[in-house]
Amino acid sequence: MEEIRDNLVARIAEAEREGWLGEVEGLRVSLAGAEDKLVHMDRRASGGTAIDLGMPRIAPAQITQVEGTASLTQSLDDQQ
C-alpha cells in the first residue's frame, strides 16, 4: 500500500508538471483513499488485543412434541 501511495505522489507531480488538471484531481482522490487505508492498517496492527470469549456451552438436546405430531421415538415404535 505504501508503494501505491508513493507512486500516486509521483504521478501527481508529473500531472502537475504536464498541466493535466483533471488527472491531478483524480489522483489526489486516489491518494486520499490510499492514505486512509494505510491509517486503518496501522491502527489494526498496533491496537489489536485478543478478547477471550471462553468456550461455548452446548445444552443437551430436548425432545419436544408438538400437538398433532409424533416424536421420532414414537414414529419408530409405530413402524414395528
Protein backbone atom coordinates (compact mmCIF):
# COMPACT_ATOMS: atom_id res chain seq x y z
CA MET A 1 0.00 0.00 0.00
CA GLU A 2 2.93 2.32 0.72
CA GLU A 3 4.28 1.68 -2.78
CA ILE A 4 0.91 2.60 -4.25
CA ARG A 5 0.86 5.80 -2.21
CA ASP A 6 4.39 6.71 -3.31
CA ASN A 7 3.51 6.01 -6.94
CA LEU A 8 0.45 8.23 -6.69
CA VAL A 9 2.56 11.08 -5.28
CA ALA A 10 4.96 10.75 -8.23
CA ARG A 11 2.10 10.64 -10.72
CA ILE A 12 0.53 13.76 -9.19
CA ALA A 13 3.84 15.61 -9.56
CA GLU A 14 4.08 14.51 -13.19
CA ALA A 15 0.49 15.52 -13.93
CA GLU A 16 1.06 18.94 -12.36
CA ARG A 17 4.21 19.46 -14.47
CA GLU A 18 2.31 18.50 -17.61
CA GLY A 19 -0.74 20.61 -16.75
CA TRP A 20 -3.17 17.69 -16.63
CA LEU A 21 -5.52 19.28 -14.11
CA GLY A 22 -8.27 16.67 -14.39
CA GLU A 23 -5.74 13.91 -13.87
CA VAL A 24 -4.31 15.69 -10.82
CA GLU A 25 -7.72 15.84 -9.16
CA GLY A 26 -8.42 12.14 -9.78
CA LEU A 27 -5.01 11.13 -8.49
CA ARG A 28 -5.49 13.21 -5.34
CA VAL A 29 -8.74 11.38 -4.64
CA SER A 30 -6.92 8.07 -5.06
CA LEU A 31 -4.07 9.29 -2.85
CA ALA A 32 -6.52 10.25 -0.08
CA GLY A 33 -8.03 6.76 -0.25
CA ALA A 34 -4.62 5.09 -0.10
CA GLU A 35 -3.56 7.20 2.89
CA ASP A 36 -6.83 6.43 4.68
CA LYS A 37 -6.28 2.72 4.07
CA LEU A 38 -2.75 2.94 5.50
CA VAL A 39 -4.07 4.65 8.64
CA HIS A 40 -6.62 1.87 9.15
CA MET A 41 -3.98 -0.81 8.57
CA ASP A 42 -1.67 0.83 11.14
CA ARG A 43 -4.46 1.00 13.72
CA ARG A 44 -5.23 -2.68 13.32
CA ALA A 45 -1.60 -3.70 13.57
CA SER A 46 -0.84 -1.65 16.68
CA GLY A 47 -4.06 -1.80 18.67
CA GLY A 48 -5.18 -5.37 18.25
CA THR A 49 -5.91 -7.11 21.51
CA ALA A 50 -7.43 -10.54 21.78
CA ILE A 51 -10.56 -10.99 23.82
CA ASP A 52 -11.19 -14.37 25.39
CA LEU A 53 -14.79 -15.32 24.75
CA GLY A 54 -14.47 -18.66 26.50
CA MET A 55 -15.78 -21.97 25.27
CA PRO A 56 -19.39 -22.17 24.18
CA ARG A 57 -21.68 -24.37 26.23
CA ILE A 58 -23.86 -26.75 24.32
CA ALA A 59 -27.10 -27.57 26.08
CA PRO A 60 -28.34 -31.16 25.85
CA ALA A 61 -30.99 -31.75 23.23
CA GLN A 62 -34.53 -31.82 24.49
CA ILE A 63 -37.19 -33.79 22.69
CA THR A 64 -40.40 -31.86 22.37
CA GLN A 65 -43.66 -32.96 20.92
CA VAL A 66 -45.90 -30.59 19.08
CA GLU A 67 -49.59 -31.31 19.21
CA GLY A 68 -50.63 -33.48 16.29
CA THR A 69 -47.13 -34.78 15.61
CA ALA A 70 -45.21 -37.72 16.96
CA SER A 71 -41.68 -37.72 18.27
CA LEU A 72 -39.03 -39.71 16.42
CA THR A 73 -39.16 -42.45 19.05
CA GLN A 74 -42.93 -42.78 18.70
CA SER A 75 -42.68 -42.91 14.93
CA LEU A 76 -40.10 -45.70 15.05
CA ASP A 77 -42.18 -47.65 17.58
CA ASP A 78 -45.26 -47.38 15.37
CA GLN A 79 -43.39 -48.87 12.40
CA GLN A 80 -42.52 -52.11 14.27
